[in-house]
Amino acid sequence: MPIAAEHRELYQAFIDQGLDIWLARLPDQLARGLDRKRFGDLPAWEKAVAKLPALPDERHVQLNADTVSVDLALDESRRRQCENLLRKLAPWRKGPFSLGGIHIDTEWRSDWKWQRVAPHLAPLAGRRILDVGGGSGYHGWRMAGAGAEFVLVIDPSPRFFWQFRAVRHFVGDADGLRTHFLPVGIEEVPENLGFFDTVFSMGVLYHRPSPLEHLQQLKEALRPGGELVLETLVVEGDATTVLLPGERYAAMPNVYFLPSSAALCHWLERCGFENVRVVDEAVTTTAEQRATDWMTFQSLADFLDPDDPNLTREGYPAPRRAVVIANRAG
């Protein structure tokens, strides 16, 4: 079966990186992750990206800035066409992007998170990176902008896959085709891969009913000594404090364990990580996560207690996020 055009660069990257074990699984993973029978809206997203017009070769691409931007000359007709097609991929949750003069104001100011994380990272230049649950790929583009050799964003949402492909249409090969997206979850990464220099898991752990299993999967994806960057919801407390919400937390139905930062560090050590350290902890604000013209549904302000913003509307502590960095023990 011929390889679809949007997948060729991914196959070539896996060949170049020597990921032979994973390469053999790609056809099945792509077929399931982009199955039109499972995802009824998928054909519309695919069609929107396919309709994006040809763009001028001359463009200025900035991946290492707060707004991932592609500056190029578009006449008003093509600019309008591009904006209408990009809006068909909404809601846009992670960004911001500026593509041909079209500013995509995403729900999350993901650049703020990157500003908190980036100063604490081992230099990304030349590294092989896995971004777990990376959404539309905003942080993946930032990693490429920081000089990473190979960036693989994984997320099971086919909408995010086509958002990534839309951004790729504008970026072209300006990143040296070092940034890739595979529509799978962490459970599809081959066991004991031991390949990546850096693994990011940001905004994923609290969605996992078995958090220690998730940490183990992240560890197995890393080479010995590799760096884990973990960002997740936490609560205040000591090493024994863990919140297990009811059916919903801040209106989200699939939130499971919210540990304290101290408890989270203990989990990581038990799972075989060392040099575990909390590098940031802060309450999420409604300036960082909010509804926009590109994400018109309810957002954080709607999920907090209207009489006390320190609480969710269910009565739990308002979202607080910590960034923990650790290394896989050799």
C-alpha atoms as a PDB file:
ATOM      1  CA  MET A   1       0.000   0.000   0.000  1.00  0.00           C
ATOM      2  CA  PRO A   2       1.479   3.407  -0.970  1.00  0.00           C
ATOM      3  CA  ILE A   3       2.353   5.799   1.843  1.00  0.00           C
ATOM      4  CA  ALA A   4       0.117   8.885   2.024  1.00  0.00           C
ATOM      5  CA  ALA A   5       1.956  12.121   1.292  1.00  0.00           C
ATOM      6  CA  GLU A   6       1.362  13.493   4.806  1.00  0.00           C
ATOM      7  CA  HIS A   7       3.086  10.423   6.315  1.00  0.00           C
ATOM      8  CA  ARG A   8       6.183  10.137   4.111  1.00  0.00           C
ATOM      9  CA  GLU A   9       8.363  12.433   6.181  1.00  0.00           C
ATOM     10  CA  LEU A  10       7.385  10.517   9.349  1.00  0.00           C
ATOM     11  CA  TYR A  11       8.405   7.166   7.808  1.00  0.00           C
ATOM     12  CA  GLN A  12      11.668   8.657   6.573  1.00  0.00           C
ATOM     13  CA  ALA A  13      12.435  10.112  10.011  1.00  0.00           C
ATOM     14  CA  PHE A  14      11.870   6.734  11.684  1.00  0.00           C
ATOM     15  CA  ILE A  15      14.219   5.134   9.152  1.00  0.00           C
ATOM     16  CA  ASP A  16      16.841   7.839   9.701  1.00  0.00           C
ATOM     17  CA  GLN A  17      16.584   7.481  13.486  1.00  0.00           C
ATOM     18  CA  GLY A  18      16.872   3.685  13.373  1.00  0.00           C
ATOM     19  CA  LEU A  19      13.461   3.167  14.975  1.00  0.00           C
ATOM     20  CA  ASP A  20      12.960  -0.108  13.139  1.00  0.00           C
ATOM     21  CA  ILE A  21      10.835  -1.788  15.818  1.00  0.00           C
ATOM     22  CA  TRP A  22       8.421   1.135  15.846  1.00  0.00           C
ATOM     23  CA  LEU A  23       8.555   1.606  12.066  1.00  0.00           C
ATOM     24  CA  ALA A  24       6.912  -1.787  11.555  1.00  0.00           C
ATOM     25  CA  ARG A  25       3.952  -0.680  13.681  1.00  0.00           C
ATOM     26  CA  LEU A  26       3.359   2.651  11.938  1.00  0.00           C
ATOM     27  CA  PRO A  27       0.896   1.490   9.263  1.00  0.00           C
ATOM     28  CA  ASP A  28      -1.468  -0.010  11.824  1.00  0.00           C
ATOM     29  CA  GLN A  29      -1.080   2.898  14.261  1.00  0.00           C
ATOM     30  CA  LEU A  30      -1.806   5.477  11.564  1.00  0.00           C
ATOM     31  CA  ALA A  31      -4.758   3.497  10.241  1.00  0.00           C
ATOM     32  CA  ARG A  32      -6.341   3.282  13.701  1.00  0.00           C
ATOM     33  CA  GLY A  33      -5.463   6.810  14.726  1.00  0.00           C
ATOM     34  CA  LEU A  34      -6.983   8.272  11.549  1.00  0.00           C
ATOM     35  CA  ASP A  35      -9.879   5.860  11.108  1.00  0.00           C
ATOM     36  CA  ARG A  36     -12.811   7.656   9.484  1.00  0.00           C
ATOM     37  CA  LYS A  37     -15.252   5.156  10.958  1.00  0.00           C
ATOM     38  CA  ARG A  38     -14.103   6.019  14.493  1.00  0.00           C
ATOM     39  CA  PHE A  39     -13.932   9.781  13.952  1.00  0.00           C
ATOM     40  CA  GLY A  40     -16.868  11.136  11.990  1.00  0.00           C
ATOM     41  CA  ASP A  41     -15.472  14.689  11.699  1.00  0.00           C
ATOM     42  CA  LEU A  42     -12.110  13.536  10.401  1.00  0.00           C
ATOM     43  CA  PRO A  43     -12.914  13.815   6.658  1.00  0.00           C
ATOM     44  CA  ALA A  44     -13.876  17.477   7.121  1.00  0.00           C
ATOM     45  CA  TRP A  45     -10.562  18.262   8.853  1.00  0.00           C
ATOM     46  CA  GLU A  46      -8.593  16.397   6.200  1.00  0.00           C
ATOM     47  CA  LYS A  47     -10.468  18.236   3.460  1.00  0.00           C
ATOM     48  CA  ALA A  48      -9.821  21.627   5.088  1.00  0.00           C
ATOM     49  CA  VAL A  49      -6.063  21.033   5.159  1.00  0.00           C
ATOM     50  CA  ALA A  50      -6.073  19.681   1.597  1.00  0.00           C
ATOM     51  CA  LYS A  51      -7.765  22.891   0.409  1.00  0.00           C
ATOM     52  CA  LEU A  52      -5.100  25.193   1.860  1.00  0.00           C
ATOM     53  CA  PRO A  53      -3.681  27.027  -1.164  1.00  0.00           C
ATOM     54  CA  ALA A  54      -0.137  26.808  -2.435  1.00  0.00           C
ATOM     55  CA  LEU A  55       2.044  29.323  -0.616  1.00  0.00           C
ATOM     56  CA  PRO A  56       4.995  31.394  -1.801  1.00  0.00           C
ATOM     57  CA  ASP A  57       8.392  29.769  -1.328  1.00  0.00           C
ATOM     58  CA  GLU A  58       9.738  32.925   0.288  1.00  0.00           C
ATOM     59  CA  ARG A  59       8.749  32.938   3.949  1.00  0.00           C
ATOM     60  CA  HIS A  60      10.204  33.803   7.332  1.00  0.00           C
ATOM     61  CA  VAL A  61       9.600  31.096   9.925  1.00  0.00           C
ATOM     62  CA  GLN A  62      10.135  31.756  13.627  1.00  0.00           C
ATOM     63  CA  LEU A  63       9.864  28.681  15.829  1.00  0.00           C
ATOM     64  CA  ASN A  64      11.882  29.955  18.766  1.00  0.00           C
ATOM     65  CA  ALA A  65       9.520  32.754  19.815  1.00  0.00           C
ATOM     66  CA  ASP A  66       6.415  33.051  21.976  1.00  0.00           C
ATOM     67  CA  THR A  67       4.211  33.016  18.880  1.00  0.00           C
ATOM     68  CA  VAL A  68       5.148  30.314  16.380  1.00  0.00           C
ATOM     69  CA  SER A  69       5.007  32.428  13.252  1.00  0.00           C
ATOM     70  CA  VAL A  70       5.293  32.153   9.501  1.00  0.00           C
ATOM     71  CA  ASP A  71       5.516  35.485   7.693  1.00  0.00           C
ATOM     72  CA  LEU A  72       4.762  35.365   3.980  1.00  0.00           C
ATOM     73  CA  ALA A  73       3.011  37.455   1.383  1.00  0.00           C
ATOM     74  CA  LEU A  74      -0.643  36.518   0.889  1.00  0.00           C
ATOM     75  CA  ASP A  75      -3.156  38.514  -1.093  1.00  0.00           C
ATOM     76  CA  GLU A  76      -6.423  39.236   0.692  1.00  0.00           C
ATOM     77  CA  SER A  77      -8.336  36.509  -1.125  1.00  0.00           C
ATOM     78  CA  ARG A  78      -5.879  33.757  -0.174  1.00  0.00           C
ATOM     79  CA  ARG A  79      -5.542  35.098   3.359  1.00  0.00           C
ATOM     80  CA  ARG A  80      -9.321  34.911   3.792  1.00  0.00           C
ATOM     81  CA  GLN A  81      -9.367  31.425   2.298  1.00  0.00           C
ATOM     82  CA  CYS A  82      -6.649  30.243   4.687  1.00  0.00           C
ATOM     83  CA  GLU A  83      -8.387  31.722   7.725  1.00  0.00           C
ATOM     84  CA  ASN A  84     -11.719  30.116   6.842  1.00  0.00           C
ATOM     85  CA  LEU A  85     -10.051  26.722   6.430  1.00  0.00           C
ATOM     86  CA  LEU A  86      -8.033  27.023   9.649  1.00  0.00           C
ATOM     87  CA  ARG A  87     -11.221  27.876  11.540  1.00  0.00           C
ATOM     88  CA  LYS A  88     -12.752  24.593  10.366  1.00  0.00           C
ATOM     89  CA  LEU A  89     -10.145  22.870  12.580  1.00  0.00           C
ATOM     90  CA  ALA A  90     -11.292  24.718  15.730  1.00  0.00           C
ATOM     91  CA  PRO A  91     -11.202  24.576  18.676  1.00  0.00           C
ATOM     92  CA  TRP A  92      -7.528  25.504  18.789  1.00  0.00           C
ATOM     93  CA  ARG A  93      -6.327  24.866  22.346  1.00  0.00           C
ATOM     94  CA  LYS A  94      -2.505  25.149  22.378  1.00  0.00           C
ATOM     95  CA  GLY A  95      -0.586  28.027  20.807  1.00  0.00           C
ATOM     96  CA  PRO A  96      -0.396  30.887  19.831  1.00  0.00           C
ATOM     97  CA  PHE A  97       0.351  30.781  16.108  1.00  0.00           C
ATOM     98  CA  SER A  98       0.635  33.467  13.453  1.00  0.00           C
ATOM     99  CA  LEU A  99       0.357  31.986   9.976  1.00  0.00           C
ATOM    100  CA  GLY A 100       0.521  34.275   6.986  1.00  0.00           C
ATOM    101  CA  GLY A 101      -0.835  37.185   8.992  1.00  0.00           C
ATOM    102  CA  ILE A 102      -3.588  35.074  10.587  1.00  0.00           C
ATOM    103  CA  HIS A 103      -3.251  35.171  14.372  1.00  0.00           C
ATOM    104  CA  ILE A 104      -4.616  32.047  16.048  1.00  0.00           C
ATOM    105  CA  ASP A 105      -5.406  33.083  19.619  1.00  0.00           C
ATOM    106  CA  THR A 106      -5.610  29.682  21.299  1.00  0.00           C
ATOM    107  CA  GLU A 107      -7.341  28.774  24.562  1.00  0.00           C
ATOM    108  CA  TRP A 108      -4.018  28.282  26.313  1.00  0.00           C
ATOM    109  CA  ARG A 109      -1.151  30.752  26.348  1.00  0.00           C
ATOM    110  CA  SER A 110       1.174  27.797  25.923  1.00  0.00           C
ATOM    111  CA  ASP A 111       4.084  30.197  25.592  1.00  0.00           C
ATOM    112  CA  TRP A 112       3.687  31.028  29.289  1.00  0.00           C
ATOM    113  CA  LYS A 113       4.146  27.381  30.190  1.00  0.00           C
ATOM    114  CA  TRP A 114       7.187  27.182  27.934  1.00  0.00           C
ATOM    115  CA  GLN A 115       8.682  30.240  29.627  1.00  0.00           C
ATOM    116  CA  ARG A 116       8.339  28.492  32.988  1.00  0.00           C
ATOM    117  CA  VAL A 117       9.789  25.209  31.745  1.00  0.00           C
ATOM    118  CA  ALA A 118      12.549  26.181  29.303  1.00  0.00           C
ATOM    119  CA  PRO A 119      15.087  27.700  31.743  1.00  0.00           C
ATOM    120  CA  HIS A 120      15.315  24.401  33.636  1.00  0.00           C
ATOM    121  CA  LEU A 121      15.836  22.034  30.691  1.00  0.00           C
ATOM    122  CA  ALA A 122      19.021  20.353  29.629  1.00  0.00           C
ATOM    123  CA  PRO A 123      19.868  22.118  26.334  1.00  0.00           C
ATOM    124  CA  LEU A 124      17.633  20.703  23.619  1.00  0.00           C
ATOM    125  CA  ALA A 125      20.084  21.191  20.752  1.00  0.00           C
ATOM    126  CA  GLY A 126      20.847  17.863  19.097  1.00  0.00           C
ATOM    127  CA  ARG A 127      18.443  15.898  21.297  1.00  0.00           C
ATOM    128  CA  ARG A 128      15.790  13.359  20.326  1.00  0.00           C
ATOM    129  CA  ILE A 129      12.531  14.369  21.982  1.00  0.00           C
ATOM    130  CA  LEU A 130       9.138  12.775  22.626  1.00  0.00           C
ATOM    131  CA  ASP A 131       6.252  15.123  23.496  1.00  0.00           C
ATOM    132  CA  VAL A 132       3.424  13.055  25.000  1.00  0.00           C
ATOM    133  CA  GLY A 133      -0.066  14.529  24.689  1.00  0.00           C
ATOM    134  CA  GLY A 134       1.351  17.451  22.725  1.00  0.00           C
ATOM    135  CA  GLY A 135      -1.949  18.688  21.284  1.00  0.00           C
ATOM    136  CA  SER A 136      -1.574  20.648  18.050  1.00  0.00           C
ATOM    137  CA  GLY A 137       2.209  20.540  18.392  1.00  0.00           C
ATOM    138  CA  TYR A 138       2.953  24.055  19.656  1.00  0.00           C
ATOM    139  CA  HIS A 139       5.590  22.893  22.140  1.00  0.00           C
ATOM    140  CA  GLY A 140       7.015  20.490  19.571  1.00  0.00           C
ATOM    141  CA  TRP A 141       7.677  23.386  17.201  1.00  0.00           C
ATOM    142  CA  ARG A 142       9.326  25.275  20.081  1.00  0.00           C
ATOM    143  CA  MET A 143      11.575  22.256  20.740  1.00  0.00           C
ATOM    144  CA  ALA A 144      12.614  22.215  17.090  1.00  0.00           C
ATOM    145  CA  GLY A 145      13.219  25.955  17.334  1.00  0.00           C
ATOM    146  CA  ALA A 146      15.573  25.257  20.255  1.00  0.00           C
ATOM    147  CA  GLY A 147      17.645  22.993  17.997  1.00  0.00           C
ATOM    148  CA  ALA A 148      16.350  19.499  18.698  1.00  0.00           C
ATOM    149  CA  GLU A 149      17.522  16.863  16.209  1.00  0.00           C
ATOM    150  CA  PHE A 150      14.236  14.912  16.171  1.00  0.00           C
ATOM    151  CA  VAL A 151      10.876  15.826  17.727  1.00  0.00           C
ATOM    152  CA  LEU A 152       7.975  13.384  17.846  1.00  0.00           C
ATOM    153  CA  VAL A 153       4.650  14.716  19.126  1.00  0.00           C
ATOM    154  CA  ILE A 154       2.129  12.033  20.035  1.00  0.00           C
ATOM    155  CA  ASP A 155      -1.527  12.658  20.810  1.00  0.00           C
ATOM    156  CA  PRO A 156      -4.496  10.384  20.034  1.00  0.00           C
ATOM    157  CA  SER A 157      -6.698  13.243  18.814  1.00  0.00           C
ATOM    158  CA  PRO A 158      -7.030  13.286  14.993  1.00  0.00           C
ATOM    159  CA  ARG A 159      -8.139  16.939  15.185  1.00  0.00           C
ATOM    160  CA  PHE A 160      -4.734  17.796  16.640  1.00  0.00           C
ATOM    161  CA  PHE A 161      -3.071  15.769  13.883  1.00  0.00           C
ATOM    162  CA  TRP A 162      -4.743  17.891  11.212  1.00  0.00           C
ATOM    163  CA  GLN A 163      -4.019  21.100  13.105  1.00  0.00           C
ATOM    164  CA  PHE A 164      -0.367  20.058  13.093  1.00  0.00           C
ATOM    165  CA  ARG A 165      -0.540  19.313   9.368  1.00  0.00           C
ATOM    166  CA  ALA A 166      -2.062  22.751   8.765  1.00  0.00           C
ATOM    167  CA  VAL A 167       0.830  24.422  10.586  1.00  0.00           C
ATOM    168  CA  ARG A 168       3.248  22.209   8.645  1.00  0.00           C
ATOM    169  CA  HIS A 169       1.710  23.549   5.407  1.00  0.00           C
ATOM    170  CA  PHE A 170       2.840  27.038   6.437  1.00  0.00           C
ATOM    171  CA  VAL A 171       6.176  26.059   8.004  1.00  0.00           C
ATOM    172  CA  GLY A 172       7.161  23.938   5.006  1.00  0.00           C
ATOM    173  CA  ASP A 173      10.608  22.434   5.485  1.00  0.00           C
ATOM    174  CA  ALA A 174      11.975  25.408   7.435  1.00  0.00           C
ATOM    175  CA  ASP A 175      12.550  23.137  10.455  1.00  0.00           C
ATOM    176  CA  GLY A 176      14.574  20.689   8.349  1.00  0.00           C
ATOM    177  CA  LEU A 177      11.611  18.283   8.672  1.00  0.00           C
ATOM    178  CA  ARG A 178      12.694  17.509  12.227  1.00  0.00           C
ATOM    179  CA  THR A 179       9.198  17.845  13.750  1.00  0.00           C
ATOM    180  CA  HIS A 180       6.644  15.042  13.456  1.00  0.00           C
ATOM    181  CA  PHE A 181       3.229  13.991  14.741  1.00  0.00           C
ATOM    182  CA  LEU A 182       1.821  10.520  15.342  1.00  0.00           C
ATOM    183  CA  PRO A 183      -1.850  10.196  16.425  1.00  0.00           C
ATOM    184  CA  VAL A 184      -1.343   7.689  19.233  1.00  0.00           C
ATOM    185  CA  GLY A 185      -1.125   7.643  23.027  1.00  0.00           C
ATOM    186  CA  ILE A 186       1.855   6.665  25.172  1.00  0.00           C
ATOM    187  CA  GLU A 187       0.618   3.067  25.346  1.00  0.00           C
ATOM    188  CA  GLU A 188       1.455   2.704  21.630  1.00  0.00           C
ATOM    189  CA  VAL A 189       5.141   3.491  22.182  1.00  0.00           C
ATOM    190  CA  PRO A 190       7.081   0.194  22.030  1.00  0.00           C
ATOM    191  CA  GLU A 191       7.976  -1.140  25.464  1.00  0.00           C
ATOM    192  CA  ASN A 192      11.533  -0.658  26.733  1.00  0.00           C
ATOM    193  CA  LEU A 193      12.365   1.596  23.785  1.00  0.00           C
ATOM    194  CA  GLY A 194      15.110   3.442  25.694  1.00  0.00           C
ATOM    195  CA  PHE A 195      15.597   5.892  22.831  1.00  0.00           C
ATOM    196  CA  PHE A 196      14.709   9.500  23.634  1.00  0.00           C
ATOM    197  CA  ASP A 197      17.064  11.992  25.278  1.00  0.00           C
ATOM    198  CA  THR A 198      14.137  14.067  26.620  1.00  0.00           C
ATOM    199  CA  VAL A 199      10.514  13.096  27.187  1.00  0.00           C
ATOM    200  CA  PHE A 200       7.836  15.689  27.933  1.00  0.00           C
ATOM    201  CA  SER A 201       4.502  14.807  29.532  1.00  0.00           C
ATOM    202  CA  MET A 202       2.586  18.008  30.163  1.00  0.00           C
ATOM    203  CA  GLY A 203      -1.072  17.951  31.145  1.00  0.00           C
ATOM    204  CA  VAL A 204      -1.444  14.172  30.871  1.00  0.00           C
ATOM    205  CA  LEU A 205      -0.772  12.444  34.200  1.00  0.00           C
ATOM    206  CA  TYR A 206      -4.027  13.484  35.898  1.00  0.00           C
ATOM    207  CA  HIS A 207      -5.990  11.936  33.025  1.00  0.00           C
ATOM    208  CA  ARG A 208      -4.449   8.521  33.691  1.00  0.00           C
ATOM    209  CA  PRO A 209      -6.295   6.110  36.032  1.00  0.00           C
ATOM    210  CA  SER A 210      -2.944   4.394  36.698  1.00  0.00           C
ATOM    211  CA  PRO A 211      -0.434   7.231  37.172  1.00  0.00           C
ATOM    212  CA  LEU A 212       2.490   4.999  38.138  1.00  0.00           C
ATOM    213  CA  GLU A 213       1.980   2.997  34.951  1.00  0.00           C
ATOM    214  CA  HIS A 214       2.196   6.264  32.997  1.00  0.00           C
ATOM    215  CA  LEU A 215       5.447   7.182  34.750  1.00  0.00           C
ATOM    216  CA  GLN A 216       6.833   3.740  33.959  1.00  0.00           C
ATOM    217  CA  GLN A 217       5.915   4.144  30.277  1.00  0.00           C
ATOM    218  CA  LEU A 218       7.656   7.517  30.177  1.00  0.00           C
ATOM    219  CA  LYS A 219      10.748   6.021  31.792  1.00  0.00           C
ATOM    220  CA  GLU A 220      10.909   3.167  29.284  1.00  0.00           C
ATOM    221  CA  ALA A 221      10.830   5.624  26.380  1.00  0.00           C
ATOM    222  CA  LEU A 222      13.925   7.393  27.754  1.00  0.00           C
ATOM    223  CA  ARG A 223      17.513   6.324  27.359  1.00  0.00           C
ATOM    224  CA  PRO A 224      19.371   5.778  30.666  1.00  0.00           C
ATOM    225  CA  GLY A 225      20.199   9.221  32.033  1.00  0.00           C
ATOM    226  CA  GLY A 226      17.594  10.852  29.794  1.00  0.00           C
ATOM    227  CA  GLU A 227      15.497  13.726  31.114  1.00  0.00           C
ATOM    228  CA  LEU A 228      11.788  13.640  31.960  1.00  0.00           C
ATOM    229  CA  VAL A 229       9.830  16.895  32.010  1.00  0.00           C
ATOM    230  CA  LEU A 230       6.557  16.301  33.831  1.00  0.00           C
ATOM    231  CA  GLU A 231       3.859  18.955  34.231  1.00  0.00           C
ATOM    232  CA  THR A 232       0.602  18.078  35.947  1.00  0.00           C
ATOM    233  CA  LEU A 233      -2.119  19.234  38.298  1.00  0.00           C
ATOM    234  CA  VAL A 234      -1.151  19.086  41.949  1.00  0.00           C
ATOM    235  CA  VAL A 235      -2.584  20.026  45.331  1.00  0.00           C
ATOM    236  CA  GLU A 236      -0.930  21.525  48.354  1.00  0.00           C
ATOM    237  CA  GLY A 237       0.206  19.072  51.011  1.00  0.00           C
ATOM    238  CA  ASP A 238       2.944  16.710  52.161  1.00  0.00           C
ATOM    239  CA  ALA A 239       4.332  13.492  50.682  1.00  0.00           C
ATOM    240  CA  THR A 240       1.187  11.576  51.677  1.00  0.00           C
ATOM    241  CA  THR A 241      -1.337  14.015  50.157  1.00  0.00           C
ATOM    242  CA  VAL A 242      -3.271  12.856  47.086  1.00  0.00           C
ATOM    243  CA  LEU A 243      -6.694  14.097  45.937  1.00  0.00           C
ATOM    244  CA  LEU A 244      -8.987  11.694  44.082  1.00  0.00           C
ATOM    245  CA  PRO A 245     -11.863  13.868  42.805  1.00  0.00           C
ATOM    246  CA  GLY A 246     -15.400  12.693  42.190  1.00  0.00           C
ATOM    247  CA  GLU A 247     -16.929  12.399  38.741  1.00  0.00           C
ATOM    248  CA  ARG A 248     -15.639  15.811  37.660  1.00  0.00           C
ATOM    249  CA  TYR A 249     -12.857  18.211  38.530  1.00  0.00           C
ATOM    250  CA  ALA A 250     -13.110  21.751  37.094  1.00  0.00           C
ATOM    251  CA  ALA A 251     -15.831  20.310  34.827  1.00  0.00           C
ATOM    252  CA  MET A 252     -13.436  17.686  33.422  1.00  0.00           C
ATOM    253  CA  PRO A 253     -14.845  14.146  33.643  1.00  0.00           C
ATOM    254  CA  ASN A 254     -11.607  12.192  33.329  1.00  0.00           C
ATOM    255  CA  VAL A 255      -9.445  13.499  36.156  1.00  0.00           C
ATOM    256  CA  TYR A 256      -8.061  10.915  38.546  1.00  0.00           C
ATOM    257  CA  PHE A 257      -5.121  11.451  40.920  1.00  0.00           C
ATOM    258  CA  LEU A 258      -3.888  14.905  41.966  1.00  0.00           C
ATOM    259  CA  PRO A 259      -0.851  14.456  44.216  1.00  0.00           C
ATOM    260  CA  SER A 260       1.051  17.093  46.114  1.00  0.00           C
ATOM    261  CA  SER A 261       4.398  17.980  44.566  1.00  0.00           C
ATOM    262  CA  ALA A 262       6.112  16.052  47.356  1.00  0.00           C
ATOM    263  CA  ALA A 263       3.997  12.968  46.682  1.00  0.00           C
ATOM    264  CA  LEU A 264       4.686  13.272  42.956  1.00  0.00           C
ATOM    265  CA  CYS A 265       8.434  13.336  43.601  1.00  0.00           C
ATOM    266  CA  HIS A 266       8.045  10.224  45.751  1.00  0.00           C
ATOM    267  CA  TRP A 267       6.182   8.471  42.919  1.00  0.00           C
ATOM    268  CA  LEU A 268       8.962   9.314  40.467  1.00  0.00           C
ATOM    269  CA  GLU A 269      11.658   7.989  42.778  1.00  0.00           C
ATOM    270  CA  ARG A 270       9.709   4.762  43.312  1.00  0.00           C
ATOM    271  CA  CYS A 271       9.476   4.366  39.530  1.00  0.00           C
ATOM    272  CA  GLY A 272      13.239   4.557  39.011  1.00  0.00           C
ATOM    273  CA  PHE A 273      13.931   8.240  38.462  1.00  0.00           C
ATOM    274  CA  GLU A 274      16.699  10.198  40.149  1.00  0.00           C
ATOM    275  CA  ASN A 275      17.677  13.860  40.549  1.00  0.00           C
ATOM    276  CA  VAL A 276      13.970  14.631  40.988  1.00  0.00           C
ATOM    277  CA  ARG A 277      13.249  18.317  41.517  1.00  0.00           C
ATOM    278  CA  VAL A 278      10.250  20.637  41.407  1.00  0.00           C
ATOM    279  CA  VAL A 279      11.202  23.626  39.250  1.00  0.00           C
ATOM    280  CA  ASP A 280       7.880  25.475  39.187  1.00  0.00           C
ATOM    281  CA  GLU A 281       4.499  25.451  40.897  1.00  0.00           C
ATOM    282  CA  ALA A 282       1.721  27.956  40.284  1.00  0.00           C
ATOM    283  CA  VAL A 283      -2.044  28.354  40.256  1.00  0.00           C
ATOM    284  CA  THR A 284      -3.436  28.511  36.721  1.00  0.00           C
ATOM    285  CA  THR A 285      -5.008  31.887  35.972  1.00  0.00           C
ATOM    286  CA  THR A 286      -7.880  32.865  33.710  1.00  0.00           C
ATOM    287  CA  ALA A 287      -5.398  34.965  31.732  1.00  0.00           C
ATOM    288  CA  GLU A 288      -3.460  31.815  30.787  1.00  0.00           C
ATOM    289  CA  GLN A 289      -6.468  29.604  29.976  1.00  0.00           C
ATOM    290  CA  ARG A 290      -9.534  31.289  28.528  1.00  0.00           C
ATOM    291  CA  ALA A 291     -12.134  31.240  25.773  1.00  0.00           C
ATOM    292  CA  THR A 292     -11.129  33.034  22.574  1.00  0.00           C
ATOM    293  CA  ASP A 293     -12.384  33.620  19.061  1.00  0.00           C
ATOM    294  CA  TRP A 294     -10.586  30.386  18.083  1.00  0.00           C
ATOM    295  CA  MET A 295     -11.884  28.380  21.084  1.00  0.00           C
ATOM    296  CA  THR A 296     -15.402  29.582  21.775  1.00  0.00           C
ATOM    297  CA  PHE A 297     -16.457  26.956  24.318  1.00  0.00           C
ATOM    298  CA  GLN A 298     -16.387  27.327  28.092  1.00  0.00           C
ATOM    299  CA  SER A 299     -12.951  27.621  29.665  1.00  0.00           C
ATOM    300  CA  LEU A 300     -11.366  27.989  33.085  1.00  0.00           C
ATOM    301  CA  ALA A 301     -13.416  30.995  34.262  1.00  0.00           C
ATOM    302  CA  ASP A 302     -16.570  28.922  33.794  1.00  0.00           C
ATOM    303  CA  PHE A 303     -15.171  26.036  35.820  1.00  0.00           C
ATOM    304  CA  LEU A 304     -14.365  27.983  38.991  1.00  0.00           C
ATOM    305  CA  ASP A 305     -16.695  28.776  41.894  1.00  0.00           C
ATOM    306  CA  PRO A 306     -18.241  32.156  40.974  1.00  0.00           C
ATOM    307  CA  ASP A 307     -18.072  33.223  44.629  1.00  0.00           C
ATOM    308  CA  ASP A 308     -14.555  31.946  45.336  1.00  0.00           C
ATOM    309  CA  PRO A 309     -12.040  31.604  42.484  1.00  0.00           C
ATOM    310  CA  ASN A 310      -9.767  29.618  44.814  1.00  0.00           C
ATOM    311  CA  LEU A 311     -12.157  26.695  44.352  1.00  0.00           C
ATOM    312  CA  THR A 312     -13.504  24.783  41.380  1.00  0.00           C
ATOM    313  CA  ARG A 313     -17.256  24.774  40.955  1.00  0.00           C
ATOM    314  CA  GLU A 314     -17.240  21.288  42.539  1.00  0.00           C
ATOM    315  CA  GLY A 315     -15.555  22.702  45.639  1.00  0.00           C
ATOM    316  CA  TYR A 316     -12.038  21.365  45.064  1.00  0.00           C
ATOM    317  CA  PRO A 317      -8.886  23.516  45.164  1.00  0.00           C
ATOM    318  CA  ALA A 318      -8.541  25.553  41.948  1.00  0.00           C
ATOM    319  CA  PRO A 319      -6.119  24.160  39.336  1.00  0.00           C
ATOM    320  CA  ARG A 320      -2.489  24.328  40.462  1.00  0.00           C
ATOM    321  CA  ARG A 321       0.239  22.983  38.216  1.00  0.00           C
ATOM    322  CA  ALA A 322       3.745  21.841  39.003  1.00  0.00           C
ATOM    323  CA  VAL A 323       6.698  21.152  36.735  1.00  0.00           C
ATOM    324  CA  VAL A 324       8.994  18.362  37.889  1.00  0.00           C
ATOM    325  CA  ILE A 325      12.200  17.368  36.128  1.00  0.00           C
ATOM    326  CA  ALA A 326      13.955  14.051  36.702  1.00  0.00           C
ATOM    327  CA  ASN A 327      16.369  11.665  35.030  1.00  0.00           C
ATOM    328  CA  ARG A 328      16.018   8.005  34.254  1.00  0.00           C
ATOM    329  CA  ALA A 329      18.405   6.175  36.527  1.00  0.00           C
ATOM    330  CA  GLY A 330      21.297   4.579  34.682  1.00  0.00           C
END
